[in-house]
Amino acid sequence: MIERFRAVLNGKPVEAEIDSRALLIEAVRDCGARGARIGCLTGDCGACSIVLDGRLVKSCLVLAVSAEGSDIVTIEGSRHAIADELRDAFVACSGFQCGYCTSGMIMVAIDLLQANPSPTEADIRRAVSGNLCRCTGYEDIVRAIGQAAEALRNKCTGKAENGG
């Protein structure tokens, strides 16, 4: 059965006709937000991680019809200091190779840093443990998230990047 899907996607109202069995990741991508990736479709890889009504979710586990009228944010709509700092750190630390997992990793990292601006390495590893990366071995990803957290703390305290 075809359903009408309406939501606010990255700050803009969207509307689409979708199959009633469609997953949220499919509806989001059909509405033009292609940064979230379709990976495993079982909630194991995290490539589809988005924010749904203020909560981080794996959008492959959510039926699109259940998100009717919701506020949805994907990597494209993540426009704040944390997202910018994470993007810069992922580049600086080579926190990606093929890039398939990157948007999901950054969405998870945004969620982590909003809740905990001073995460330990263990906190970072725990946060990304629900996201799979087949390229980097996670070391550069963990380092990038830690570097972004430090840069954000330094900006808040007015410290220069060199610690001065």
N, C-alpha and C. Protein backbone atom coordinates (compact mmCIF):
# COMPACT_ATOMS: atom_id res chain seq x y z
N MET A 1 0.83 -1.17 0.00
CA MET A 1 0.00 0.00 0.00
C MET A 1 0.89 1.25 0.00
N ILE A 2 0.51 2.23 -0.77
CA ILE A 2 1.26 3.49 -0.86
C ILE A 2 0.71 4.46 0.19
N GLU A 3 1.64 5.07 0.89
CA GLU A 3 1.30 6.04 1.96
C GLU A 3 1.95 7.38 1.62
N ARG A 4 1.37 8.44 2.14
CA ARG A 4 1.97 9.77 2.04
C ARG A 4 2.87 9.95 3.25
N PHE A 5 4.13 10.33 3.02
CA PHE A 5 5.10 10.56 4.09
C PHE A 5 5.40 12.04 4.15
N ARG A 6 5.19 12.63 5.32
CA ARG A 6 5.50 14.04 5.54
C ARG A 6 6.37 14.14 6.79
N ALA A 7 7.40 14.97 6.69
CA ALA A 7 8.30 15.18 7.83
C ALA A 7 9.06 16.48 7.59
N VAL A 8 9.84 16.85 8.59
CA VAL A 8 10.78 17.96 8.42
C VAL A 8 12.16 17.30 8.35
N LEU A 9 12.80 17.43 7.22
CA LEU A 9 14.09 16.79 6.98
C LEU A 9 15.15 17.88 6.85
N ASN A 10 16.07 17.90 7.80
CA ASN A 10 17.15 18.89 7.81
C ASN A 10 16.60 20.32 7.73
N GLY A 11 15.51 20.53 8.47
CA GLY A 11 14.93 21.87 8.58
C GLY A 11 13.95 22.25 7.51
N LYS A 12 13.71 21.36 6.55
CA LYS A 12 12.80 21.68 5.45
C LYS A 12 11.67 20.65 5.38
N PRO A 13 10.45 21.11 5.17
CA PRO A 13 9.34 20.15 5.02
C PRO A 13 9.53 19.30 3.77
N VAL A 14 9.28 18.01 3.90
CA VAL A 14 9.35 17.10 2.76
C VAL A 14 8.06 16.28 2.72
N GLU A 15 7.76 15.83 1.53
CA GLU A 15 6.59 14.99 1.34
C GLU A 15 6.91 14.00 0.22
N ALA A 16 6.53 12.75 0.41
CA ALA A 16 6.78 11.74 -0.61
C ALA A 16 5.74 10.64 -0.50
N GLU A 17 5.55 9.94 -1.59
CA GLU A 17 4.73 8.74 -1.56
C GLU A 17 5.67 7.56 -1.36
N ILE A 18 5.36 6.74 -0.35
CA ILE A 18 6.21 5.61 -0.02
C ILE A 18 5.38 4.36 0.18
N ASP A 19 6.01 3.24 0.03
CA ASP A 19 5.38 1.97 0.36
C ASP A 19 5.20 1.92 1.88
N SER A 20 4.10 1.41 2.35
CA SER A 20 3.84 1.37 3.79
C SER A 20 4.87 0.52 4.53
N ARG A 21 5.61 -0.32 3.80
CA ARG A 21 6.65 -1.15 4.43
C ARG A 21 8.03 -0.54 4.31
N ALA A 22 8.12 0.66 3.75
CA ALA A 22 9.43 1.29 3.53
C ALA A 22 10.08 1.65 4.86
N LEU A 23 11.39 1.52 4.86
CA LEU A 23 12.17 1.91 6.04
C LEU A 23 12.46 3.40 5.99
N LEU A 24 12.70 3.98 7.16
CA LEU A 24 12.98 5.40 7.23
C LEU A 24 14.21 5.78 6.39
N ILE A 25 15.24 4.93 6.39
CA ILE A 25 16.43 5.23 5.59
C ILE A 25 16.06 5.37 4.12
N GLU A 26 15.13 4.55 3.65
CA GLU A 26 14.72 4.63 2.24
C GLU A 26 13.96 5.93 1.98
N ALA A 27 13.07 6.31 2.88
CA ALA A 27 12.29 7.54 2.70
C ALA A 27 13.20 8.76 2.75
N VAL A 28 14.14 8.78 3.68
CA VAL A 28 15.07 9.90 3.81
C VAL A 28 15.90 10.06 2.53
N ARG A 29 16.40 8.96 2.02
CA ARG A 29 17.20 9.01 0.80
C ARG A 29 16.33 9.40 -0.40
N ASP A 30 15.09 8.89 -0.45
CA ASP A 30 14.17 9.27 -1.53
C ASP A 30 13.85 10.76 -1.50
N CYS A 31 13.93 11.36 -0.32
CA CYS A 31 13.67 12.80 -0.18
C CYS A 31 14.92 13.64 -0.40
N GLY A 32 16.02 13.01 -0.81
CA GLY A 32 17.20 13.74 -1.22
C GLY A 32 18.37 13.76 -0.24
N ALA A 33 18.21 13.24 0.95
CA ALA A 33 19.31 13.22 1.92
C ALA A 33 20.08 11.91 1.73
N ARG A 34 21.12 11.95 0.95
CA ARG A 34 21.84 10.75 0.58
C ARG A 34 23.06 10.45 1.45
N GLY A 35 23.33 11.29 2.45
CA GLY A 35 24.50 11.09 3.31
C GLY A 35 24.37 9.86 4.19
N ALA A 36 23.18 9.61 4.69
CA ALA A 36 22.94 8.39 5.46
C ALA A 36 22.96 7.22 4.48
N ARG A 37 23.65 6.17 4.83
CA ARG A 37 23.86 5.06 3.91
C ARG A 37 22.98 3.85 4.26
N ILE A 38 22.62 3.11 3.26
CA ILE A 38 21.98 1.82 3.46
C ILE A 38 23.09 0.79 3.53
N GLY A 39 23.19 0.15 4.67
CA GLY A 39 24.25 -0.84 4.87
C GLY A 39 23.66 -2.23 5.06
N CYS A 40 23.53 -2.61 6.29
CA CYS A 40 23.15 -3.98 6.62
C CYS A 40 21.64 -4.23 6.63
N LEU A 41 20.85 -3.18 6.87
CA LEU A 41 19.40 -3.28 7.03
C LEU A 41 18.98 -4.12 8.23
N THR A 42 19.89 -4.33 9.17
CA THR A 42 19.61 -5.08 10.39
C THR A 42 20.00 -4.33 11.65
N GLY A 43 20.45 -3.09 11.51
CA GLY A 43 20.85 -2.29 12.67
C GLY A 43 22.23 -2.59 13.20
N ASP A 44 23.00 -3.37 12.47
CA ASP A 44 24.32 -3.78 12.94
C ASP A 44 25.45 -2.83 12.54
N CYS A 45 25.32 -2.12 11.42
CA CYS A 45 26.48 -1.38 10.91
C CYS A 45 26.47 0.10 11.28
N GLY A 46 25.32 0.71 11.50
CA GLY A 46 25.26 2.11 11.89
C GLY A 46 25.44 3.11 10.77
N ALA A 47 25.59 2.66 9.54
CA ALA A 47 25.78 3.59 8.42
C ALA A 47 24.55 4.47 8.21
N CYS A 48 23.41 4.04 8.69
CA CYS A 48 22.16 4.76 8.51
C CYS A 48 21.80 5.65 9.70
N SER A 49 22.72 5.88 10.61
CA SER A 49 22.44 6.65 11.83
C SER A 49 22.01 8.08 11.51
N ILE A 50 20.87 8.47 12.08
CA ILE A 50 20.32 9.81 11.92
C ILE A 50 19.72 10.23 13.26
N VAL A 51 19.27 11.48 13.33
CA VAL A 51 18.58 11.95 14.52
C VAL A 51 17.10 12.09 14.18
N LEU A 52 16.29 11.41 14.95
CA LEU A 52 14.84 11.41 14.77
C LEU A 52 14.21 12.01 16.02
N ASP A 53 13.60 13.18 15.87
CA ASP A 53 12.99 13.88 16.99
C ASP A 53 13.95 13.99 18.17
N GLY A 54 15.20 14.37 17.86
CA GLY A 54 16.19 14.62 18.89
C GLY A 54 16.91 13.39 19.43
N ARG A 55 16.61 12.23 18.89
CA ARG A 55 17.20 10.98 19.38
C ARG A 55 17.94 10.27 18.26
N LEU A 56 19.19 9.84 18.55
CA LEU A 56 19.96 9.09 17.56
C LEU A 56 19.32 7.73 17.33
N VAL A 57 19.08 7.39 16.06
CA VAL A 57 18.49 6.09 15.72
C VAL A 57 19.19 5.51 14.50
N LYS A 58 19.08 4.22 14.38
CA LYS A 58 19.49 3.53 13.15
C LYS A 58 18.25 3.46 12.29
N SER A 59 18.24 4.24 11.24
CA SER A 59 17.02 4.44 10.46
C SER A 59 16.60 3.21 9.66
N CYS A 60 17.44 2.21 9.59
CA CYS A 60 17.03 0.97 8.92
C CYS A 60 16.13 0.12 9.81
N LEU A 61 16.01 0.51 11.08
CA LEU A 61 15.16 -0.23 12.02
C LEU A 61 13.83 0.47 12.28
N VAL A 62 13.58 1.56 11.56
CA VAL A 62 12.37 2.37 11.78
C VAL A 62 11.54 2.37 10.51
N LEU A 63 10.27 2.03 10.63
CA LEU A 63 9.38 2.16 9.47
C LEU A 63 9.13 3.63 9.22
N ALA A 64 9.17 4.02 7.96
CA ALA A 64 8.99 5.42 7.61
C ALA A 64 7.64 5.94 8.09
N VAL A 65 6.59 5.14 7.97
CA VAL A 65 5.27 5.61 8.39
C VAL A 65 5.23 5.96 9.88
N SER A 66 6.09 5.34 10.68
CA SER A 66 6.10 5.66 12.11
C SER A 66 6.80 6.99 12.39
N ALA A 67 7.48 7.54 11.40
CA ALA A 67 8.16 8.82 11.56
C ALA A 67 7.37 9.96 10.92
N GLU A 68 6.15 9.69 10.55
CA GLU A 68 5.28 10.72 9.97
C GLU A 68 5.23 11.94 10.88
N GLY A 69 5.49 13.11 10.30
CA GLY A 69 5.44 14.36 11.06
C GLY A 69 6.65 14.64 11.93
N SER A 70 7.66 13.81 11.86
CA SER A 70 8.83 13.93 12.72
C SER A 70 9.83 14.96 12.21
N ASP A 71 10.73 15.33 13.09
CA ASP A 71 11.87 16.17 12.75
C ASP A 71 13.07 15.24 12.58
N ILE A 72 13.66 15.23 11.39
CA ILE A 72 14.73 14.31 11.05
C ILE A 72 15.97 15.11 10.66
N VAL A 73 17.11 14.72 11.21
CA VAL A 73 18.38 15.37 10.86
C VAL A 73 19.36 14.29 10.40
N THR A 74 19.91 14.50 9.23
CA THR A 74 20.95 13.62 8.70
C THR A 74 22.27 14.38 8.71
N ILE A 75 23.31 13.76 8.25
CA ILE A 75 24.63 14.40 8.20
C ILE A 75 24.56 15.73 7.44
N GLU A 76 23.75 15.79 6.40
CA GLU A 76 23.63 17.02 5.62
C GLU A 76 23.06 18.17 6.45
N GLY A 77 22.24 17.86 7.42
CA GLY A 77 21.59 18.89 8.23
C GLY A 77 22.30 19.17 9.54
N SER A 78 23.40 18.52 9.79
CA SER A 78 24.16 18.72 11.03
C SER A 78 25.02 19.96 10.88
N ARG A 79 24.45 21.07 11.20
CA ARG A 79 25.13 22.35 10.99
C ARG A 79 25.36 23.04 12.33
N HIS A 80 26.35 22.57 13.05
CA HIS A 80 26.74 23.26 14.27
C HIS A 80 28.21 22.99 14.53
N ALA A 81 28.75 23.63 15.54
CA ALA A 81 30.20 23.59 15.80
C ALA A 81 30.72 22.17 15.98
N ILE A 82 29.97 21.31 16.63
CA ILE A 82 30.45 19.94 16.85
C ILE A 82 30.63 19.23 15.51
N ALA A 83 29.64 19.33 14.64
CA ALA A 83 29.72 18.67 13.34
C ALA A 83 30.89 19.20 12.52
N ASP A 84 31.06 20.51 12.52
CA ASP A 84 32.16 21.11 11.76
C ASP A 84 33.51 20.64 12.30
N GLU A 85 33.66 20.62 13.61
CA GLU A 85 34.92 20.20 14.22
C GLU A 85 35.20 18.73 13.94
N LEU A 86 34.16 17.91 13.98
CA LEU A 86 34.33 16.48 13.68
C LEU A 86 34.75 16.26 12.23
N ARG A 87 34.12 16.97 11.32
CA ARG A 87 34.50 16.83 9.90
C ARG A 87 35.97 17.18 9.70
N ASP A 88 36.39 18.29 10.31
CA ASP A 88 37.79 18.71 10.19
C ASP A 88 38.72 17.66 10.79
N ALA A 89 38.36 17.13 11.95
CA ALA A 89 39.20 16.14 12.63
C ALA A 89 39.25 14.82 11.84
N PHE A 90 38.14 14.42 11.25
CA PHE A 90 38.15 13.18 10.45
C PHE A 90 39.10 13.32 9.27
N VAL A 91 39.14 14.51 8.68
CA VAL A 91 40.07 14.75 7.57
C VAL A 91 41.50 14.77 8.10
N ALA A 92 41.75 15.54 9.15
CA ALA A 92 43.10 15.69 9.70
C ALA A 92 43.68 14.37 10.20
N CYS A 93 42.82 13.52 10.76
CA CYS A 93 43.29 12.25 11.34
C CYS A 93 43.12 11.07 10.41
N SER A 94 42.70 11.30 9.18
CA SER A 94 42.42 10.21 8.23
C SER A 94 41.43 9.22 8.84
N GLY A 95 40.36 9.77 9.41
CA GLY A 95 39.36 8.95 10.07
C GLY A 95 38.39 8.28 9.11
N PHE A 96 38.75 8.17 7.88
CA PHE A 96 37.93 7.50 6.88
C PHE A 96 38.83 6.99 5.77
N GLN A 97 38.36 5.99 5.08
CA GLN A 97 39.05 5.54 3.87
C GLN A 97 38.03 5.51 2.75
N CYS A 98 37.17 4.52 2.74
CA CYS A 98 36.17 4.49 1.67
C CYS A 98 35.07 5.50 1.92
N GLY A 99 34.83 5.87 3.17
CA GLY A 99 33.85 6.87 3.52
C GLY A 99 32.44 6.35 3.74
N TYR A 100 32.22 5.07 3.53
CA TYR A 100 30.85 4.55 3.63
C TYR A 100 30.28 4.70 5.03
N CYS A 101 31.09 4.47 6.05
CA CYS A 101 30.61 4.55 7.43
C CYS A 101 30.68 5.95 8.01
N THR A 102 31.35 6.87 7.34
CA THR A 102 31.70 8.16 7.93
C THR A 102 30.50 8.96 8.42
N SER A 103 29.45 9.05 7.63
CA SER A 103 28.31 9.86 8.08
C SER A 103 27.70 9.28 9.35
N GLY A 104 27.58 7.97 9.41
CA GLY A 104 27.05 7.34 10.63
C GLY A 104 27.97 7.53 11.82
N MET A 105 29.28 7.42 11.59
CA MET A 105 30.25 7.64 12.67
C MET A 105 30.17 9.07 13.18
N ILE A 106 30.06 10.03 12.28
CA ILE A 106 29.99 11.43 12.70
C ILE A 106 28.68 11.70 13.44
N MET A 107 27.58 11.12 13.00
CA MET A 107 26.31 11.32 13.72
C MET A 107 26.40 10.75 15.14
N VAL A 108 27.02 9.59 15.29
CA VAL A 108 27.21 9.00 16.61
C VAL A 108 28.13 9.88 17.46
N ALA A 109 29.18 10.39 16.84
CA ALA A 109 30.13 11.24 17.57
C ALA A 109 29.47 12.56 18.00
N ILE A 110 28.62 13.13 17.17
CA ILE A 110 27.89 14.34 17.55
C ILE A 110 27.05 14.05 18.78
N ASP A 111 26.33 12.95 18.74
CA ASP A 111 25.49 12.56 19.87
C ASP A 111 26.33 12.40 21.14
N LEU A 112 27.47 11.75 21.02
CA LEU A 112 28.37 11.55 22.16
C LEU A 112 28.85 12.89 22.71
N LEU A 113 29.36 13.76 21.84
CA LEU A 113 29.95 15.02 22.31
C LEU A 113 28.90 16.00 22.84
N GLN A 114 27.67 15.88 22.39
CA GLN A 114 26.61 16.71 22.97
C GLN A 114 26.33 16.26 24.41
N ALA A 115 26.39 14.97 24.64
CA ALA A 115 26.12 14.44 25.98
C ALA A 115 27.35 14.49 26.88
N ASN A 116 28.54 14.36 26.29
CA ASN A 116 29.77 14.27 27.06
C ASN A 116 30.88 15.00 26.32
N PRO A 117 31.11 16.28 26.62
CA PRO A 117 32.12 17.05 25.90
C PRO A 117 33.56 16.63 26.21
N SER A 118 33.75 15.81 27.23
CA SER A 118 35.10 15.37 27.61
C SER A 118 35.16 13.84 27.68
N PRO A 119 34.91 13.17 26.57
CA PRO A 119 34.89 11.70 26.62
C PRO A 119 36.30 11.12 26.75
N THR A 120 36.38 10.02 27.44
CA THR A 120 37.63 9.26 27.49
C THR A 120 37.70 8.41 26.22
N GLU A 121 38.86 7.81 25.99
CA GLU A 121 38.97 6.91 24.84
C GLU A 121 37.97 5.78 24.97
N ALA A 122 37.78 5.27 26.18
CA ALA A 122 36.80 4.19 26.40
C ALA A 122 35.39 4.66 26.06
N ASP A 123 35.05 5.91 26.43
CA ASP A 123 33.73 6.46 26.09
C ASP A 123 33.54 6.51 24.58
N ILE A 124 34.57 6.96 23.88
CA ILE A 124 34.49 7.06 22.42
C ILE A 124 34.34 5.68 21.81
N ARG A 125 35.14 4.74 22.26
CA ARG A 125 35.05 3.37 21.72
C ARG A 125 33.67 2.76 21.97
N ARG A 126 33.12 3.01 23.16
CA ARG A 126 31.79 2.50 23.49
C ARG A 126 30.75 3.13 22.55
N ALA A 127 30.87 4.44 22.31
CA ALA A 127 29.90 5.13 21.46
C ALA A 127 29.91 4.61 20.03
N VAL A 128 31.09 4.34 19.48
CA VAL A 128 31.17 3.89 18.09
C VAL A 128 31.06 2.38 17.95
N SER A 129 30.91 1.68 19.06
CA SER A 129 30.89 0.21 19.00
C SER A 129 29.69 -0.33 18.22
N GLY A 130 28.65 0.46 18.04
CA GLY A 130 27.50 0.02 17.25
C GLY A 130 27.61 0.37 15.79
N ASN A 131 28.75 0.89 15.39
CA ASN A 131 28.99 1.25 13.99
C ASN A 131 30.18 0.47 13.47
N LEU A 132 30.03 -0.07 12.28
CA LEU A 132 31.09 -0.86 11.69
C LEU A 132 31.88 -0.07 10.66
N CYS A 133 33.19 -0.26 10.70
CA CYS A 133 34.08 0.28 9.68
C CYS A 133 34.97 -0.87 9.24
N ARG A 134 35.00 -1.12 7.96
CA ARG A 134 35.81 -2.22 7.45
C ARG A 134 37.16 -1.77 6.94
N CYS A 135 37.44 -0.47 7.01
CA CYS A 135 38.67 0.05 6.43
C CYS A 135 39.72 0.51 7.43
N THR A 136 39.31 1.26 8.46
CA THR A 136 40.30 1.99 9.24
C THR A 136 40.81 1.28 10.48
N GLY A 137 40.13 0.27 10.94
CA GLY A 137 40.54 -0.35 12.20
C GLY A 137 40.21 0.51 13.40
N TYR A 138 39.43 1.55 13.22
CA TYR A 138 38.88 2.42 14.27
C TYR A 138 39.88 3.35 14.94
N GLU A 139 41.16 3.08 14.88
CA GLU A 139 42.13 3.91 15.60
C GLU A 139 42.04 5.37 15.17
N ASP A 140 42.01 5.62 13.87
CA ASP A 140 41.95 7.00 13.37
C ASP A 140 40.60 7.65 13.67
N ILE A 141 39.55 6.86 13.68
CA ILE A 141 38.22 7.38 14.01
C ILE A 141 38.19 7.81 15.47
N VAL A 142 38.67 6.97 16.35
CA VAL A 142 38.72 7.29 17.78
C VAL A 142 39.58 8.52 18.01
N ARG A 143 40.72 8.57 17.35
CA ARG A 143 41.62 9.72 17.48
C ARG A 143 40.95 11.01 16.98
N ALA A 144 40.23 10.91 15.87
CA ALA A 144 39.54 12.08 15.30
C ALA A 144 38.47 12.61 16.26
N ILE A 145 37.71 11.72 16.86
CA ILE A 145 36.66 12.15 17.80
C ILE A 145 37.30 12.79 19.03
N GLY A 146 38.37 12.19 19.52
CA GLY A 146 39.09 12.77 20.66
C GLY A 146 39.66 14.14 20.33
N GLN A 147 40.22 14.27 19.14
CA GLN A 147 40.79 15.56 18.72
C GLN A 147 39.70 16.62 18.60
N ALA A 148 38.56 16.24 18.04
CA ALA A 148 37.45 17.20 17.92
C ALA A 148 36.96 17.63 19.29
N ALA A 149 36.86 16.69 20.22
CA ALA A 149 36.41 17.02 21.57
C ALA A 149 37.37 18.00 22.22
N GLU A 150 38.66 17.75 22.07
CA GLU A 150 39.66 18.65 22.64
C GLU A 150 39.60 20.04 22.02
N ALA A 151 39.46 20.10 20.70
CA ALA A 151 39.38 21.38 20.01
C ALA A 151 38.15 22.17 20.47
N LEU A 152 37.04 21.48 20.64
CA LEU A 152 35.82 22.15 21.10
C LEU A 152 35.98 22.67 22.53
N ARG A 153 36.60 21.89 23.39
CA ARG A 153 36.85 22.34 24.77
C ARG A 153 37.77 23.55 24.77
N ASN A 154 38.80 23.52 23.93
CA ASN A 154 39.74 24.65 23.86
C ASN A 154 39.04 25.92 23.37
N LYS A 155 38.13 25.78 22.42
CA LYS A 155 37.38 26.94 21.94
C LYS A 155 36.50 27.51 23.04
N CYS A 156 35.91 26.62 23.84
CA CYS A 156 35.05 27.07 24.93
C CYS A 156 35.82 27.77 26.04
N THR A 157 37.06 27.35 26.27
CA THR A 157 37.87 27.94 27.33
C THR A 157 38.75 29.05 26.81
N GLY A 158 38.77 29.24 25.49
CA GLY A 158 39.56 30.32 24.89
C GLY A 158 41.02 29.97 24.72
N LYS A 159 41.38 28.71 24.89
CA LYS A 159 42.78 28.30 24.71
C LYS A 159 43.09 28.18 23.23
N ALA A 160 44.30 28.50 22.88
CA ALA A 160 44.77 28.32 21.51
C ALA A 160 45.03 26.85 21.27
N GLU A 161 45.06 26.46 20.00
CA GLU A 161 45.30 25.06 19.68
C GLU A 161 46.62 24.55 20.20
N ASN A 162 47.60 25.42 20.37
CA ASN A 162 48.91 24.96 20.85
C ASN A 162 48.98 24.92 22.37
N GLY A 163 47.82 25.08 23.01
CA GLY A 163 47.77 24.98 24.46
C GLY A 163 48.05 26.29 25.17
N GLY A 164 48.26 27.38 24.44
CA GLY A 164 48.64 28.65 25.04
C GLY A 164 47.56 29.57 25.35
